[in-house]
Amino acid sequence: MPDSRIGLSSAALDLLLSAVETPEAVISGAVLDVYHAAEAVALKETGLLKPHGHEAGFTSEADHDDVPVTLSWSAEDGGLGYFSPNAGWVTVAEDRLVRYRVDFPVLLARMMLQTDVSSRAGPIPLLPNLLWEVGDIRLPGRSRRVPVWAGRRFGDPLVWDRFVETTRARPAPGLRIVLTTTPEGRLPARIHHGHSIISVRDVAEHAGGLVVDPELLAARVASGSQRDDALITMVADGAAIIVRGKRYTFRGSKQRAVIRHLYEALESGQPDCLTVEVLEAAPASRAASIPLPRLFPVEQIGVISSTRKMAVAGCSPDRLTCFRKTGRPPGRSDR
């Protein structure tokens, strides 16, 4: 039975994550035995690595040529081995022929060990061995549960495209957290809106290794993505935008829907938005009849303007502003 109480060293985490990011998430017993013996013990004891078939071939370790050899059974030695011109008969330990594969249910359970997950059936595969729906979790500072997905190999363009297609088929209900084993630096620069995509190692507690810390995760979600050099970034659900380090927060669901719509328009290269189209993005049907100034308080007028036709652009040095066609920034007179 996997023991989740066993901590993982930094070297063991590196080995595990490197295996997870390979196409089949497998590693040979010979590699573990020669290069990662200590780390392999911890990964096997935690159940994160499980036997998964045997190697189809073996490379001679007795000869310097490192040539492939054919293994045969020796009744005398009671095991498999090969004949070396230099060393004679060489017995190969069975463990070195075993292939080990990452056990994803065990990995996902370990990741969410400290979180309050609401899931009856456990992780649900969305893309086989690539993407899972983990369940809904409670985060500090949020009254509602947040849906969580987990995925791997997001640095592979083909996998990333499949992930994006899945998010379009199953849109985020405001905010969705996507935990990934892909390192931060290898994640695509483009963020799919409504999704807060976070490298799991960045929000894991150091002692447990890959066990997500709810406080760290909540703080990361609240801060938004800051990976690129964009002057304006948005928290995934539209709860805040950060412009040159200055943060604007939005609490209402209608406000956040409008912010998401405007931000997506800005990044799409088509920043001109009709007011009616923006208001229709709000979740309530009657939102289209609500004037923009009633959706946003006075201190946010510099962020959202109540002009009939708006253009949203990031050319203001300290705020995301909606401009009229004349280019004049809105002021309190726009109310």
Protein backbone atom coordinates (compact mmCIF):
# COMPACT_ATOMS: atom_id res chain seq x y z
CA MET A 1 0.00 0.00 0.00
CA PRO A 2 1.40 3.46 -0.89
CA ASP A 3 2.70 5.41 2.08
CA SER A 4 1.87 9.12 1.60
CA ARG A 5 3.67 9.99 4.84
CA ILE A 6 7.07 9.43 3.23
CA GLY A 7 8.68 12.71 2.25
CA LEU A 8 10.48 13.09 -1.05
CA SER A 9 13.91 14.63 -1.47
CA SER A 10 14.59 17.26 -4.10
CA ALA A 11 16.48 14.65 -6.14
CA ALA A 12 13.53 12.24 -5.94
CA LEU A 13 11.16 14.99 -7.07
CA ASP A 14 13.41 15.83 -10.01
CA LEU A 15 13.48 12.18 -11.05
CA LEU A 16 9.72 11.78 -10.67
CA LEU A 17 8.84 14.93 -12.61
CA SER A 18 11.29 14.11 -15.38
CA ALA A 19 9.60 10.71 -15.73
CA VAL A 20 6.12 12.26 -15.66
CA GLU A 21 7.01 14.58 -18.53
CA THR A 22 8.15 11.76 -20.83
CA PRO A 23 5.56 10.49 -23.34
CA GLU A 24 4.92 7.15 -21.60
CA ALA A 25 5.94 8.24 -18.06
CA VAL A 26 8.21 5.20 -17.74
CA ILE A 27 11.79 4.63 -16.61
CA SER A 28 13.87 1.48 -16.74
CA GLY A 29 14.96 -0.47 -13.69
CA ALA A 30 18.54 -0.43 -14.95
CA VAL A 31 18.61 3.37 -15.01
CA LEU A 32 17.13 3.49 -11.51
CA ASP A 33 19.63 0.95 -10.20
CA VAL A 34 22.72 2.61 -11.67
CA TYR A 35 21.93 6.31 -11.35
CA HIS A 36 19.05 6.80 -8.89
CA ALA A 37 19.14 3.94 -6.38
CA ALA A 38 18.30 6.01 -3.28
CA GLU A 39 15.57 8.06 -5.00
CA ALA A 40 14.04 4.92 -6.50
CA VAL A 41 13.53 3.40 -3.05
CA ALA A 42 11.41 6.36 -1.90
CA LEU A 43 9.40 6.50 -5.13
CA LYS A 44 8.63 2.79 -4.95
CA GLU A 45 7.70 2.90 -1.26
CA THR A 46 5.28 5.76 -1.86
CA GLY A 47 3.72 3.84 -4.75
CA LEU A 48 4.52 6.62 -7.21
CA LEU A 49 6.47 4.16 -9.36
CA LYS A 50 4.92 0.80 -10.17
CA PRO A 51 6.28 -2.14 -12.24
CA HIS A 52 5.05 -1.93 -15.82
CA GLY A 53 6.33 -4.73 -17.99
CA HIS A 54 9.92 -5.57 -18.91
CA GLU A 55 12.56 -4.13 -21.17
CA ALA A 56 12.61 -5.62 -24.65
CA GLY A 57 16.41 -5.50 -24.82
CA PHE A 58 19.53 -5.01 -22.74
CA THR A 59 22.92 -3.41 -23.29
CA SER A 60 26.10 -5.22 -22.34
CA GLU A 61 27.74 -3.69 -19.30
CA ALA A 62 30.74 -6.03 -19.31
CA ASP A 63 32.08 -4.87 -22.67
CA HIS A 64 33.12 -1.34 -23.49
CA ASP A 65 31.24 -1.32 -26.79
CA ASP A 66 27.83 -0.99 -25.06
CA VAL A 67 26.32 -3.25 -27.68
CA PRO A 68 22.80 -4.72 -27.43
CA VAL A 69 22.78 -8.33 -26.27
CA THR A 70 20.29 -11.17 -26.33
CA LEU A 71 19.29 -12.45 -22.92
CA SER A 72 18.82 -16.14 -22.28
CA TRP A 73 17.79 -18.25 -19.33
CA SER A 74 20.46 -20.00 -17.26
CA ALA A 75 19.19 -23.01 -15.33
CA GLU A 76 22.43 -23.08 -13.38
CA ASP A 77 22.13 -19.47 -12.17
CA GLY A 78 18.35 -19.47 -12.13
CA GLY A 79 18.03 -16.21 -14.04
CA LEU A 80 18.48 -14.33 -17.28
CA GLY A 81 21.86 -13.26 -18.57
CA TYR A 82 24.18 -13.08 -21.56
CA PHE A 83 27.64 -14.23 -22.58
CA SER A 84 30.41 -11.64 -22.78
CA PRO A 85 33.64 -12.35 -24.67
CA ASN A 86 35.51 -10.47 -21.94
CA ALA A 87 33.67 -11.50 -18.77
CA GLY A 88 32.01 -14.78 -19.66
CA TRP A 89 28.48 -15.38 -18.41
CA VAL A 90 26.87 -12.26 -16.90
CA THR A 91 23.69 -12.63 -14.87
CA VAL A 92 21.26 -9.69 -15.08
CA ALA A 93 19.21 -8.99 -11.96
CA GLU A 94 15.47 -9.17 -12.62
CA ASP A 95 14.87 -5.70 -11.14
CA ARG A 96 17.07 -4.20 -13.83
CA LEU A 97 14.82 -5.58 -16.56
CA VAL A 98 11.61 -4.22 -15.07
CA ARG A 99 10.15 -1.03 -16.47
CA TYR A 100 8.55 1.32 -13.94
CA ARG A 101 5.68 3.66 -14.68
CA VAL A 102 4.32 6.62 -12.75
CA ASP A 103 1.08 5.69 -11.01
CA PHE A 104 -1.09 8.71 -11.78
CA PRO A 105 -3.94 8.03 -9.31
CA VAL A 106 -1.34 7.83 -6.52
CA LEU A 107 0.39 10.98 -7.79
CA LEU A 108 -2.86 12.97 -7.94
CA ALA A 109 -3.93 11.77 -4.50
CA ARG A 110 -0.58 12.85 -3.07
CA MET A 111 -0.82 16.27 -4.72
CA MET A 112 -4.25 16.95 -3.18
CA LEU A 113 -3.50 15.39 0.21
CA GLN A 114 -3.84 18.69 2.15
CA THR A 115 -6.80 20.06 0.20
CA ASP A 116 -10.52 19.59 0.83
CA VAL A 117 -11.49 17.88 -2.43
CA SER A 118 -15.12 17.23 -3.31
CA SER A 119 -15.05 14.28 -5.69
CA ARG A 120 -17.14 11.14 -5.46
CA ALA A 121 -15.42 9.09 -8.12
CA GLY A 122 -11.84 10.33 -7.83
CA PRO A 123 -9.94 11.89 -10.75
CA ILE A 124 -11.76 11.59 -14.08
CA PRO A 125 -9.57 11.27 -17.20
CA LEU A 126 -10.32 13.97 -19.77
CA LEU A 127 -7.37 13.12 -22.01
CA PRO A 128 -6.03 9.59 -21.36
CA ASN A 129 -2.87 9.77 -19.23
CA LEU A 130 -2.54 13.51 -19.90
CA LEU A 131 -5.38 15.47 -18.29
CA TRP A 132 -7.71 14.77 -15.36
CA GLU A 133 -10.66 16.45 -13.67
CA VAL A 134 -9.66 16.22 -9.99
CA GLY A 135 -12.74 17.73 -8.32
CA ASP A 136 -13.73 20.92 -6.51
CA ILE A 137 -11.61 22.25 -3.64
CA ARG A 138 -11.96 24.87 -0.94
CA LEU A 139 -9.34 27.61 -0.94
CA PRO A 140 -8.64 30.05 1.89
CA GLY A 141 -10.38 33.37 1.26
CA ARG A 142 -12.97 31.95 -1.17
CA SER A 143 -16.51 31.08 -0.17
CA ARG A 144 -17.16 28.83 -3.15
CA ARG A 145 -15.33 25.71 -4.17
CA VAL A 146 -13.03 25.97 -7.17
CA PRO A 147 -12.82 23.23 -9.83
CA VAL A 148 -9.36 21.72 -10.33
CA TRP A 149 -7.84 19.92 -13.28
CA ALA A 150 -4.39 18.34 -13.40
CA GLY A 151 -2.27 17.79 -16.49
CA ARG A 152 1.19 17.00 -17.77
CA ARG A 153 3.40 17.61 -20.82
CA PHE A 154 1.98 21.09 -21.46
CA GLY A 155 5.32 22.03 -22.99
CA ASP A 156 4.53 19.74 -25.93
CA PRO A 157 2.65 21.82 -28.56
CA LEU A 158 0.48 18.87 -29.57
CA VAL A 159 -0.54 18.17 -25.97
CA TRP A 160 -1.16 21.88 -25.34
CA ASP A 161 -3.43 22.08 -28.40
CA ARG A 162 -5.43 19.12 -27.12
CA PHE A 163 -5.70 20.77 -23.70
CA VAL A 164 -6.99 24.01 -25.27
CA GLU A 165 -9.56 22.05 -27.31
CA THR A 166 -10.74 20.39 -24.10
CA THR A 167 -11.16 23.72 -22.32
CA ARG A 168 -13.25 24.99 -25.21
CA ALA A 169 -15.42 21.90 -25.09
CA ARG A 170 -15.75 22.22 -21.29
CA PRO A 171 -15.57 25.99 -20.54
CA ALA A 172 -14.47 27.16 -17.11
CA PRO A 173 -17.37 28.24 -14.86
CA GLY A 174 -15.60 31.48 -13.90
CA LEU A 175 -12.33 30.13 -12.50
CA ARG A 176 -10.70 26.76 -12.98
CA ILE A 177 -7.30 25.85 -11.52
CA VAL A 178 -5.11 23.64 -13.67
CA LEU A 179 -2.16 22.09 -11.82
CA THR A 180 0.59 20.80 -14.06
CA THR A 181 3.84 18.90 -13.65
CA THR A 182 5.32 20.96 -16.49
CA PRO A 183 7.88 23.49 -15.17
CA GLU A 184 6.82 27.13 -15.21
CA GLY A 185 9.42 28.10 -17.80
CA ARG A 186 8.13 25.56 -20.30
CA LEU A 187 4.48 26.59 -20.15
CA PRO A 188 3.16 28.42 -23.23
CA ALA A 189 3.13 32.20 -22.81
CA ARG A 190 -0.47 32.40 -23.96
CA ILE A 191 -2.89 31.89 -21.08
CA HIS A 192 -6.29 30.39 -21.79
CA HIS A 193 -8.71 32.69 -20.00
CA GLY A 194 -10.74 31.37 -17.13
CA HIS A 195 -7.93 28.96 -16.29
CA SER A 196 -5.20 29.57 -13.74
CA ILE A 197 -2.43 27.23 -14.92
CA ILE A 198 0.11 26.61 -12.17
CA SER A 199 3.18 24.39 -11.98
CA VAL A 200 2.54 22.11 -9.01
CA ARG A 201 6.07 22.38 -7.68
CA ASP A 202 5.59 26.13 -7.21
CA VAL A 203 2.73 25.60 -4.74
CA ALA A 204 3.87 22.40 -3.03
CA GLU A 205 5.11 22.29 0.54
CA HIS A 206 8.83 21.53 0.73
CA ALA A 207 8.59 18.86 3.43
CA GLY A 208 6.05 16.62 1.71
CA GLY A 209 7.15 16.99 -1.88
CA LEU A 210 4.38 17.59 -4.44
CA VAL A 211 1.76 17.96 -1.70
CA VAL A 212 -0.09 21.16 -2.60
CA ASP A 213 -0.18 23.83 0.12
CA PRO A 214 -3.69 25.40 0.06
CA GLU A 215 -2.40 28.75 1.36
CA LEU A 216 0.28 28.93 -1.33
CA LEU A 217 -2.21 27.90 -4.00
CA ALA A 218 -4.74 30.54 -2.92
CA ALA A 219 -2.05 33.24 -2.95
CA ARG A 220 -0.85 32.18 -6.38
CA VAL A 221 -4.35 32.21 -7.84
CA ALA A 222 -5.00 35.66 -6.35
CA SER A 223 -1.77 37.08 -7.77
CA GLY A 224 -2.50 35.99 -11.34
CA SER A 225 0.07 35.00 -13.93
CA GLN A 226 3.11 37.22 -14.18
CA ARG A 227 5.27 35.11 -16.48
CA ASP A 228 5.51 37.47 -19.42
CA ASP A 229 6.42 41.14 -19.90
CA ALA A 230 2.88 42.32 -20.60
CA LEU A 231 1.95 45.61 -18.99
CA ILE A 232 -1.47 44.21 -18.13
CA THR A 233 -2.25 40.80 -16.66
CA MET A 234 -5.51 39.35 -15.41
CA VAL A 235 -6.35 36.86 -12.69
CA ALA A 236 -7.96 33.90 -14.47
CA ASP A 237 -11.56 34.56 -13.39
CA GLY A 238 -11.40 38.34 -13.87
CA ALA A 239 -11.26 38.99 -10.12
CA ALA A 240 -8.38 41.41 -10.66
CA ILE A 241 -6.17 42.99 -13.26
CA ILE A 242 -2.63 44.15 -12.61
CA VAL A 243 -1.39 47.12 -14.61
CA ARG A 244 2.29 48.04 -14.14
CA GLY A 245 2.17 46.55 -10.67
CA LYS A 246 -1.06 48.33 -9.67
CA ARG A 247 -3.91 46.00 -8.82
CA TYR A 248 -7.61 46.59 -9.56
CA THR A 249 -10.03 44.14 -7.94
CA PHE A 250 -13.58 43.26 -8.99
CA ARG A 251 -15.90 41.38 -6.65
CA GLY A 252 -19.18 41.01 -8.52
CA SER A 253 -19.78 38.18 -11.01
CA LYS A 254 -21.06 40.69 -13.61
CA GLN A 255 -17.97 42.85 -13.13
CA ARG A 256 -15.68 39.88 -13.62
CA ALA A 257 -17.53 38.75 -16.73
CA VAL A 258 -17.12 42.22 -18.27
CA ILE A 259 -13.43 42.33 -17.34
CA ARG A 260 -12.81 38.92 -18.93
CA HIS A 261 -14.57 40.03 -22.10
CA LEU A 262 -12.56 43.25 -22.35
CA TYR A 263 -9.25 41.58 -21.58
CA GLU A 264 -9.80 38.88 -24.16
CA ALA A 265 -10.67 41.58 -26.70
CA LEU A 266 -7.45 43.41 -25.84
CA GLU A 267 -5.30 40.32 -26.33
CA SER A 268 -7.10 39.23 -29.48
CA GLY A 269 -5.96 42.40 -31.27
CA GLN A 270 -9.57 43.59 -31.73
CA PRO A 271 -10.02 45.96 -28.78
CA ASP A 272 -13.14 47.78 -30.08
CA CYS A 273 -16.15 46.52 -28.12
CA LEU A 274 -19.80 47.51 -28.36
CA THR A 275 -21.22 48.19 -24.94
CA VAL A 276 -24.18 45.87 -25.52
CA GLU A 277 -21.79 43.03 -26.46
CA VAL A 278 -19.75 43.59 -23.32
CA LEU A 279 -22.81 43.65 -21.08
CA GLU A 280 -24.19 40.50 -22.68
CA ALA A 281 -21.04 38.76 -21.44
CA ALA A 282 -22.32 39.21 -17.87
CA PRO A 283 -23.94 36.06 -16.45
CA ALA A 284 -27.34 37.58 -15.61
CA SER A 285 -29.82 38.16 -18.42
CA ARG A 286 -30.81 41.58 -17.09
CA ALA A 287 -27.19 42.74 -17.05
CA ALA A 288 -27.53 44.15 -20.57
CA SER A 289 -29.96 46.76 -19.23
CA ILE A 290 -27.61 47.87 -16.43
CA PRO A 291 -25.48 50.94 -17.25
CA LEU A 292 -21.75 50.32 -16.89
CA PRO A 293 -21.33 52.95 -14.13
CA ARG A 294 -23.76 50.97 -11.94
CA LEU A 295 -21.65 47.86 -12.40
CA PHE A 296 -18.43 49.61 -11.38
CA PRO A 297 -17.89 52.00 -8.43
CA VAL A 298 -16.43 55.49 -8.75
CA GLU A 299 -12.84 54.37 -8.06
CA GLN A 300 -13.00 52.01 -11.06
CA ILE A 301 -14.26 54.57 -13.58
CA GLY A 302 -10.68 54.88 -14.81
CA VAL A 303 -10.81 51.20 -15.66
CA ILE A 304 -14.25 50.87 -17.23
CA SER A 305 -16.00 53.65 -19.15
CA SER A 306 -19.70 54.01 -19.87
CA THR A 307 -19.29 55.23 -23.45
CA ARG A 308 -21.67 53.80 -26.00
CA LYS A 309 -18.88 52.34 -28.11
CA MET A 310 -15.65 51.52 -26.31
CA ALA A 311 -12.09 50.63 -27.15
CA VAL A 312 -10.07 48.99 -24.43
CA ALA A 313 -6.32 49.47 -24.65
CA GLY A 314 -3.26 49.23 -22.45
CA CYS A 315 -1.64 52.45 -23.57
CA SER A 316 -2.32 54.31 -20.33
CA PRO A 317 0.79 54.21 -18.10
CA ASP A 318 -1.05 53.15 -14.95
CA ARG A 319 -4.44 51.72 -15.78
CA LEU A 320 -6.49 49.66 -18.22
CA THR A 321 -8.77 52.32 -19.71
CA CYS A 322 -11.66 52.35 -22.14
CA PHE A 323 -11.29 55.20 -24.66
CA ARG A 324 -13.75 56.86 -26.95
CA LYS A 325 -13.08 56.87 -30.67
CA THR A 326 -11.51 60.30 -30.24
CA GLY A 327 -8.95 58.76 -27.92
CA ARG A 328 -9.94 60.98 -24.99
CA PRO A 329 -9.76 58.99 -21.74
CA PRO A 330 -12.99 58.88 -19.74
CA GLY A 331 -13.41 60.84 -16.56
CA ARG A 332 -16.16 61.33 -14.07
CA SER A 333 -18.18 63.16 -16.70
CA ASP A 334 -18.67 59.82 -18.42
CA ARG A 335 -20.84 58.66 -15.59
